Structure formats: C-alpha cells, structure tokens
C-alpha cells in the first residue's frame, strides 16, 4: 500500500502531467521523481501482482464452483498482463486482455451479491460492472477500429456516462457500509477530517480550474464535466466512508482506497489489478469469514 500511495502521489502526476515546479517550485524534486519513478512503479506493480496471485489462491481455497471460475480468469489475466508488459502489446492481445479483465471484475462484483439479500448490494455491483464496462470499451473500441472494425461513435459521451455512474455509486456504498443515521453526524469534530479533501478540491478548482482538471483527468481519469459541487460532495462521502471504515473494517477502507487510486479508465494492467484487489477486499468482508455489516 505504501508503494501504491507513493506511485499515485508522485510518480503518476509527474509522468502524465509533467513538471509541477512551475506551480510549486521544489529544488530538484522533478529530477528525483523521474529517477526514482521506475523503481517505485515497478515495485508497486510487482507487489500488486503478487497480491492478486494471493487473492486468486484464496478464491481457490473457497472451493466453490463460482470462485474457481473467477480464480481461473484472474490467473489468466495475470499471465496476459505479464505478457503485455514484457512484450510488445499486439492489438489482439490488448483486446483479449481487456475482455478477460472485465470478466474478472464482473465475476467479483457478482460474487459480492452472493448470499446478500439487500437490493443495495445489487445496485452497487451493477454500477461497478457498468462503469468498468464503459472504461474497457473506451480502451478497446479504438483498437478494434485499427484492425478493421467499425468506427467507434459517441466515445466521449459514453465515457461521461461512466463517470456519472461512478459518482452515483458513492452514495449506495456509503449507505451500505455506514448508513444515513443521525448519530453519525452529531459530533462535528468527526466531520472535519473528511471535509479537508473536499475543501482542497473546491478551493483549487475555484482558484485554477485548469490545474485541477488536468490533474484529475490524467491521474484519475475524471473529466470533471459535471458541476464541481457533485465531485466535492462525492469526495466528502468517499473520504468519510474510508475514515469510518478504518476504525471498524480496515479491509473495506483499503479496498475503497485501491479503487479510488486505480481511477476510472484502467488504462494499464497495473491499474486494473488495483481495481481487482479493491473489489476483492470489499467482498472479503462478506464471503471470507467476515460478517455482513
């Protein structure tokens, strides 16, 4: 988790957006990040790869037919992912890799609903599946076109729908794991900490919307096409959910953090693995010896 956080805080912004020293000059920071970047990124990828393998092993230990199928596709994705990283990614390999990854995420999301009667869980799973399908379509559709397929239409519009689904999914996640109870908000001090990221987002957006839009788009994949209060409110709920879960169900908090760090586009094997691990940690609460909240 430490390497993953280092990657998203330092490596990804500098590699995708560029040198921020014009905005906030720090002596030699850009050079240091560029030097250490490959080590941090490769370490993160390796550790996430091992973690995904362990998740597949735990699925096999569950011994049910559904988890065996899920683990089979997961290990298939790990093999395809390694091939794509260490070889030249052919178009067909990229398409197959994305299809298998989407199958894994779909099976995990559906497994989350297994044995759970509340409709809220089904809504959460449906929103996850729909938003990730749109993310993979955004990657795969242009590749299909390059090898002779139909020209993709309404790519940006469809991508924006996926963004809406992800923002909307914050509320059912919050209600399921925390609940909308009056006693949760009686102590004002507990509301300050999750307000910090929301306030920072709003402040930077109002001062310089170009900076926050550039960072959000290239680092996390959000185009910020909705009015900014939607993102500010969603960020507050997400931060409050993670903070509350750290006190009672740490695996849920880590899972939510990994999903957030992975972003919405899943443009690489590494980011897809983060999303897979995040959802796996969420369902671990219900299906690997943890009681449903």
Protein backbone atom coordinates (compact mmCIF):
# COMPACT_ATOMS: atom_id res chain seq x y z
CA UNK A 1 0.00 0.00 0.00
CA UNK A 2 2.91 2.36 0.75
CA UNK A 3 4.38 1.92 -2.74
CA UNK A 4 0.93 2.32 -4.32
CA UNK A 5 0.36 5.62 -2.50
CA UNK A 6 3.85 6.84 -3.46
CA UNK A 7 3.08 5.99 -7.07
CA UNK A 8 -0.19 7.91 -7.21
CA UNK A 9 1.11 10.92 -5.25
CA UNK A 10 4.41 11.40 -7.02
CA UNK A 11 5.15 9.15 -9.99
CA UNK A 12 1.82 9.25 -11.86
CA UNK A 13 1.33 13.04 -11.71
CA UNK A 14 4.86 13.81 -12.87
CA UNK A 15 4.93 11.18 -15.62
CA UNK A 16 1.50 12.04 -17.02
CA UNK A 17 1.10 15.76 -16.33
CA UNK A 18 4.73 16.89 -16.26
CA UNK A 19 6.87 19.16 -14.14
CA UNK A 20 4.80 20.96 -11.48
CA UNK A 21 7.77 23.04 -10.34
CA UNK A 22 6.35 25.99 -12.27
CA UNK A 23 3.40 25.98 -9.87
CA UNK A 24 5.19 24.90 -6.70
CA UNK A 25 8.97 25.11 -7.13
CA UNK A 26 10.84 22.47 -5.14
CA UNK A 27 14.59 22.11 -5.81
CA UNK A 28 15.37 19.03 -7.89
CA UNK A 29 12.05 17.34 -7.00
CA UNK A 30 11.17 16.67 -10.62
CA UNK A 31 14.58 15.13 -11.31
CA UNK A 32 14.36 12.99 -8.16
CA UNK A 33 10.91 11.70 -9.09
CA UNK A 34 11.97 10.88 -12.64
CA UNK A 35 14.98 8.99 -11.24
CA UNK A 36 13.05 7.06 -8.57
CA UNK A 37 9.87 6.76 -10.63
CA UNK A 38 10.68 3.47 -12.41
CA UNK A 39 11.70 1.82 -9.12
CA UNK A 40 8.50 2.94 -7.35
CA UNK A 41 6.28 1.99 -10.29
CA UNK A 42 7.92 -1.41 -10.85
CA UNK A 43 7.84 -2.18 -7.13
CA UNK A 44 4.16 -1.24 -6.96
CA UNK A 45 3.34 -3.38 -9.98
CA UNK A 46 5.27 -6.38 -8.64
CA UNK A 47 3.66 -6.19 -5.20
CA UNK A 48 0.18 -5.76 -6.66
CA UNK A 49 0.82 -8.70 -8.99
CA UNK A 50 1.80 -10.89 -6.03
CA UNK A 51 -1.22 -9.68 -4.06
CA UNK A 52 -3.54 -10.55 -6.94
CA UNK A 53 -1.99 -14.01 -7.08
CA UNK A 54 -2.67 -14.45 -3.37
CA UNK A 55 -6.24 -13.30 -3.92
CA UNK A 56 -6.61 -15.97 -6.60
CA UNK A 57 -5.23 -18.56 -4.18
CA UNK A 58 -7.77 -17.53 -1.54
CA UNK A 59 -10.53 -17.86 -4.14
CA UNK A 60 -9.40 -21.42 -4.90
CA UNK A 61 -9.40 -22.25 -1.17
CA UNK A 62 -13.06 -21.21 -1.04
CA UNK A 63 -13.63 -24.37 -3.16
CA UNK A 64 -16.94 -23.29 -4.70
CA UNK A 65 -17.54 -23.53 -8.45
CA UNK A 66 -18.05 -19.78 -8.89
CA UNK A 67 -14.82 -18.85 -7.11
CA UNK A 68 -12.90 -21.48 -9.08
CA UNK A 69 -14.11 -19.90 -12.33
CA UNK A 70 -13.23 -16.43 -11.03
CA UNK A 71 -9.73 -17.51 -9.98
CA UNK A 72 -9.15 -19.18 -13.36
CA UNK A 73 -9.92 -15.94 -15.20
CA UNK A 74 -7.87 -13.98 -12.66
CA UNK A 75 -4.78 -16.12 -13.24
CA UNK A 76 -5.40 -15.89 -16.99
CA UNK A 77 -5.38 -12.11 -16.68
CA UNK A 78 -2.15 -12.21 -14.66
CA UNK A 79 -0.48 -14.23 -17.44
CA UNK A 80 -1.82 -11.94 -20.18
CA UNK A 81 -0.85 -8.90 -18.14
CA UNK A 82 2.74 -10.06 -17.72
CA UNK A 83 2.93 -10.86 -21.44
CA UNK A 84 1.69 -7.40 -22.37
CA UNK A 85 4.15 -5.71 -20.01
CA UNK A 86 7.25 -7.61 -21.10
CA UNK A 87 6.43 -7.91 -24.80
CA UNK A 88 5.20 -5.56 -27.50
CA UNK A 89 1.45 -5.31 -26.98
CA UNK A 90 -0.32 -6.53 -30.12
CA UNK A 91 -3.84 -5.29 -30.77
CA UNK A 92 -5.39 -8.74 -30.39
CA UNK A 93 -3.53 -9.34 -27.12
CA UNK A 94 -4.74 -5.98 -25.79
CA UNK A 95 -8.35 -6.78 -26.69
CA UNK A 96 -8.22 -10.27 -25.13
CA UNK A 97 -6.50 -8.89 -22.03
CA UNK A 98 -9.22 -6.28 -21.54
CA UNK A 99 -12.02 -8.79 -22.11
CA UNK A 100 -10.57 -11.18 -19.54
CA UNK A 101 -10.03 -8.31 -17.06
CA UNK A 102 -13.65 -7.21 -17.47
CA UNK A 103 -14.82 -10.80 -16.89
CA UNK A 104 -12.80 -10.94 -13.66
CA UNK A 105 -14.20 -7.64 -12.38
CA UNK A 106 -17.73 -8.69 -13.34
CA UNK A 107 -17.44 -12.07 -11.57
CA UNK A 108 -16.07 -10.36 -8.47
CA UNK A 109 -18.86 -7.78 -8.47
CA UNK A 110 -21.47 -10.53 -8.88
CA UNK A 111 -19.82 -12.57 -6.13
CA UNK A 112 -20.30 -9.58 -3.85
CA UNK A 113 -24.09 -10.11 -4.18
CA UNK A 114 -23.91 -13.83 -3.35
CA UNK A 115 -25.89 -14.63 -0.24
CA UNK A 116 -26.80 -10.98 0.34
CA UNK A 117 -30.49 -10.13 0.17
CA UNK A 118 -30.37 -6.33 0.22
CA UNK A 119 -31.04 -4.64 -3.13
CA UNK A 120 -28.43 -2.02 -2.32
CA UNK A 121 -25.63 -4.53 -2.90
CA UNK A 122 -27.07 -5.40 -6.30
CA UNK A 123 -27.20 -1.71 -7.20
CA UNK A 124 -23.56 -1.27 -6.13
CA UNK A 125 -22.48 -4.28 -8.21
CA UNK A 126 -24.47 -3.15 -11.25
CA UNK A 127 -22.90 0.31 -11.11
CA UNK A 128 -19.41 -1.16 -10.76
CA UNK A 129 -19.95 -3.52 -13.71
CA UNK A 130 -21.46 -0.81 -15.93
CA UNK A 131 -18.78 1.79 -15.19
CA UNK A 132 -15.92 -0.67 -15.76
CA UNK A 133 -17.52 -1.92 -18.98
CA UNK A 134 -17.52 1.66 -20.26
CA UNK A 135 -13.88 2.05 -19.18
CA UNK A 136 -12.83 -1.05 -21.12
CA UNK A 137 -14.93 -0.04 -24.13
CA UNK A 138 -13.08 3.27 -24.16
CA UNK A 139 -9.79 1.35 -24.45
CA UNK A 140 -10.90 -1.48 -26.74
CA UNK A 141 -13.14 0.32 -29.25
CA UNK A 142 -10.31 2.34 -30.89
CA UNK A 143 -8.16 -0.83 -31.07
CA UNK A 144 -10.98 -2.71 -32.83
CA UNK A 145 -11.18 0.17 -35.32
CA UNK A 146 -7.44 -0.01 -36.05
CA UNK A 147 -7.71 -3.67 -37.05
CA UNK A 148 -10.63 -3.10 -39.41
CA UNK A 149 -13.63 -2.90 -37.10
CA UNK A 150 -16.37 -0.26 -37.13
CA UNK A 151 -15.50 3.30 -36.23
CA UNK A 152 -16.44 3.92 -32.57
CA UNK A 153 -19.15 6.52 -32.06
CA UNK A 154 -20.05 8.69 -29.09
CA UNK A 155 -16.86 7.70 -27.23
CA UNK A 156 -16.73 10.86 -25.12
CA UNK A 157 -20.46 10.78 -24.37
CA UNK A 158 -20.29 7.13 -23.30
CA UNK A 159 -17.21 7.85 -21.21
CA UNK A 160 -19.08 10.64 -19.44
CA UNK A 161 -21.92 8.24 -18.63
CA UNK A 162 -19.34 6.01 -16.91
CA UNK A 163 -18.18 8.99 -14.87
CA UNK A 164 -21.76 9.66 -13.75
CA UNK A 165 -22.17 6.00 -12.71
CA UNK A 166 -19.01 6.11 -10.59
CA UNK A 167 -20.03 9.34 -8.88
CA UNK A 168 -23.52 7.93 -8.28
CA UNK A 169 -22.11 4.72 -6.79
CA UNK A 170 -20.58 6.62 -3.87
CA UNK A 171 -23.97 7.09 -2.22
CA UNK A 172 -25.11 3.42 -2.14
CA UNK A 173 -21.62 2.41 -0.98
CA UNK A 174 -21.85 4.92 1.85
CA UNK A 175 -25.38 3.88 2.84
CA UNK A 176 -24.45 0.18 2.79
CA UNK A 177 -21.29 0.40 4.87
CA UNK A 178 -22.09 3.41 7.09
CA UNK A 179 -25.77 4.22 6.80
CA UNK A 180 -27.52 7.57 7.00
CA UNK A 181 -28.01 7.78 10.74
CA UNK A 182 -28.39 10.94 12.77
CA UNK A 183 -25.89 9.78 15.40
CA UNK A 184 -23.15 9.61 12.75
CA UNK A 185 -23.19 13.39 12.43
CA UNK A 186 -23.77 14.57 16.00
CA UNK A 187 -20.06 15.07 16.70
CA UNK A 188 -18.89 17.89 14.48
CA UNK A 189 -15.22 17.03 15.06
CA UNK A 190 -15.67 13.77 13.14
CA UNK A 191 -16.87 15.68 10.10
CA UNK A 192 -13.80 17.91 9.83
CA UNK A 193 -11.29 15.33 8.56
CA UNK A 194 -13.31 14.16 5.51
CA UNK A 195 -14.05 17.79 4.73
CA UNK A 196 -10.35 18.54 4.12
CA UNK A 197 -10.00 16.80 0.69
CA UNK A 198 -13.38 18.18 -0.41
CA UNK A 199 -12.40 21.70 0.65
CA UNK A 200 -8.99 21.42 -1.07
CA UNK A 201 -10.65 20.23 -4.26
CA UNK A 202 -13.17 23.09 -4.19
CA UNK A 203 -10.51 25.69 -3.35
CA UNK A 204 -8.11 24.67 -6.11
CA UNK A 205 -10.96 24.31 -8.61
CA UNK A 206 -12.22 27.82 -7.91
CA UNK A 207 -8.73 29.33 -7.98
CA UNK A 208 -7.47 27.49 -11.05
CA UNK A 209 -9.89 25.02 -12.66
CA UNK A 210 -7.38 24.17 -15.40
CA UNK A 211 -4.87 22.73 -12.91
CA UNK A 212 -7.37 20.55 -11.06
CA UNK A 213 -8.98 19.40 -14.33
CA UNK A 214 -5.61 18.46 -15.82
CA UNK A 215 -4.61 16.56 -12.69
CA UNK A 216 -7.97 14.83 -12.33
CA UNK A 217 -8.16 13.79 -15.98
CA UNK A 218 -4.65 12.43 -16.39
CA UNK A 219 -4.13 10.94 -12.93
CA UNK A 220 -7.59 9.56 -12.06
CA UNK A 221 -9.44 9.70 -15.37
CA UNK A 222 -12.26 12.07 -14.36
CA UNK A 223 -13.16 14.69 -16.96
CA UNK A 224 -15.00 16.89 -14.44
CA UNK A 225 -17.74 17.68 -16.95
CA UNK A 226 -20.39 17.87 -14.19
CA UNK A 227 -20.74 20.97 -11.98
CA UNK A 228 -17.91 20.78 -9.42
CA UNK A 229 -20.23 20.52 -6.33
CA UNK A 230 -21.14 16.97 -7.46
CA UNK A 231 -17.48 15.94 -7.22
CA UNK A 232 -16.97 17.81 -3.96
CA UNK A 233 -19.93 16.06 -2.29
CA UNK A 234 -18.90 12.65 -3.67
CA UNK A 235 -15.34 13.19 -2.44
CA UNK A 236 -16.62 14.07 1.04
CA UNK A 237 -18.76 10.92 1.24
CA UNK A 238 -15.92 8.75 -0.05
CA UNK A 239 -13.38 10.23 2.37
CA UNK A 240 -15.78 9.92 5.31
CA UNK A 241 -16.54 6.32 4.35
CA UNK A 242 -12.85 5.39 4.24
CA UNK A 243 -12.11 7.13 7.56
CA UNK A 244 -15.03 5.42 9.32
CA UNK A 245 -14.13 2.01 7.86
CA UNK A 246 -10.52 2.35 9.07
CA UNK A 247 -11.90 2.12 12.60
CA UNK A 248 -14.15 -0.91 12.13
CA UNK A 249 -13.38 -2.74 8.84
CA UNK A 250 -9.91 -1.92 7.59
CA UNK A 251 -10.13 -4.28 4.61
CA UNK A 252 -13.09 -2.23 3.30
CA UNK A 253 -11.14 1.02 3.75
CA UNK A 254 -8.11 -0.37 1.91
CA UNK A 255 -10.35 -1.72 -0.84
CA UNK A 256 -12.05 1.63 -1.35
CA UNK A 257 -8.68 3.38 -1.37
CA UNK A 258 -7.33 1.00 -4.03
CA UNK A 259 -10.43 1.51 -6.19
CA UNK A 260 -10.03 5.28 -5.90
CA UNK A 261 -6.31 5.15 -6.74
CA UNK A 262 -6.96 2.87 -9.73
CA UNK A 263 -9.15 5.59 -11.20
CA UNK A 264 -11.92 5.06 -13.69
CA UNK A 265 -10.21 4.28 -17.01
CA UNK A 266 -7.96 1.33 -16.03
CA UNK A 267 -5.58 2.10 -18.88
CA UNK A 268 -2.90 -0.37 -17.76
CA UNK A 269 -2.51 -3.82 -16.21
CA UNK A 270 -1.32 -2.19 -13.00
CA UNK A 271 -4.42 0.00 -12.60
CA UNK A 272 -6.70 -2.93 -13.44
CA UNK A 273 -5.01 -5.04 -10.77
CA UNK A 274 -5.59 -2.26 -8.24
CA UNK A 275 -9.30 -2.26 -9.08
CA UNK A 276 -9.46 -6.07 -8.85
CA UNK A 277 -7.77 -6.04 -5.44
CA UNK A 278 -10.03 -3.24 -4.25
CA UNK A 279 -13.23 -5.10 -5.11
CA UNK A 280 -11.77 -8.32 -3.71
CA UNK A 281 -11.19 -6.61 -0.36
CA UNK A 282 -14.77 -5.32 -0.36
CA UNK A 283 -16.28 -8.75 -0.91
CA UNK A 284 -13.87 -10.28 1.61
CA UNK A 285 -15.99 -8.63 4.28
CA UNK A 286 -18.94 -10.82 3.34
CA UNK A 287 -17.50 -14.01 1.87
CA UNK A 288 -14.21 -14.81 3.57
CA UNK A 289 -15.25 -15.20 7.16
CA UNK A 290 -16.35 -11.62 7.77
CA UNK A 291 -19.88 -10.82 8.85
CA UNK A 292 -22.07 -8.61 6.74
CA UNK A 293 -22.39 -5.15 8.33
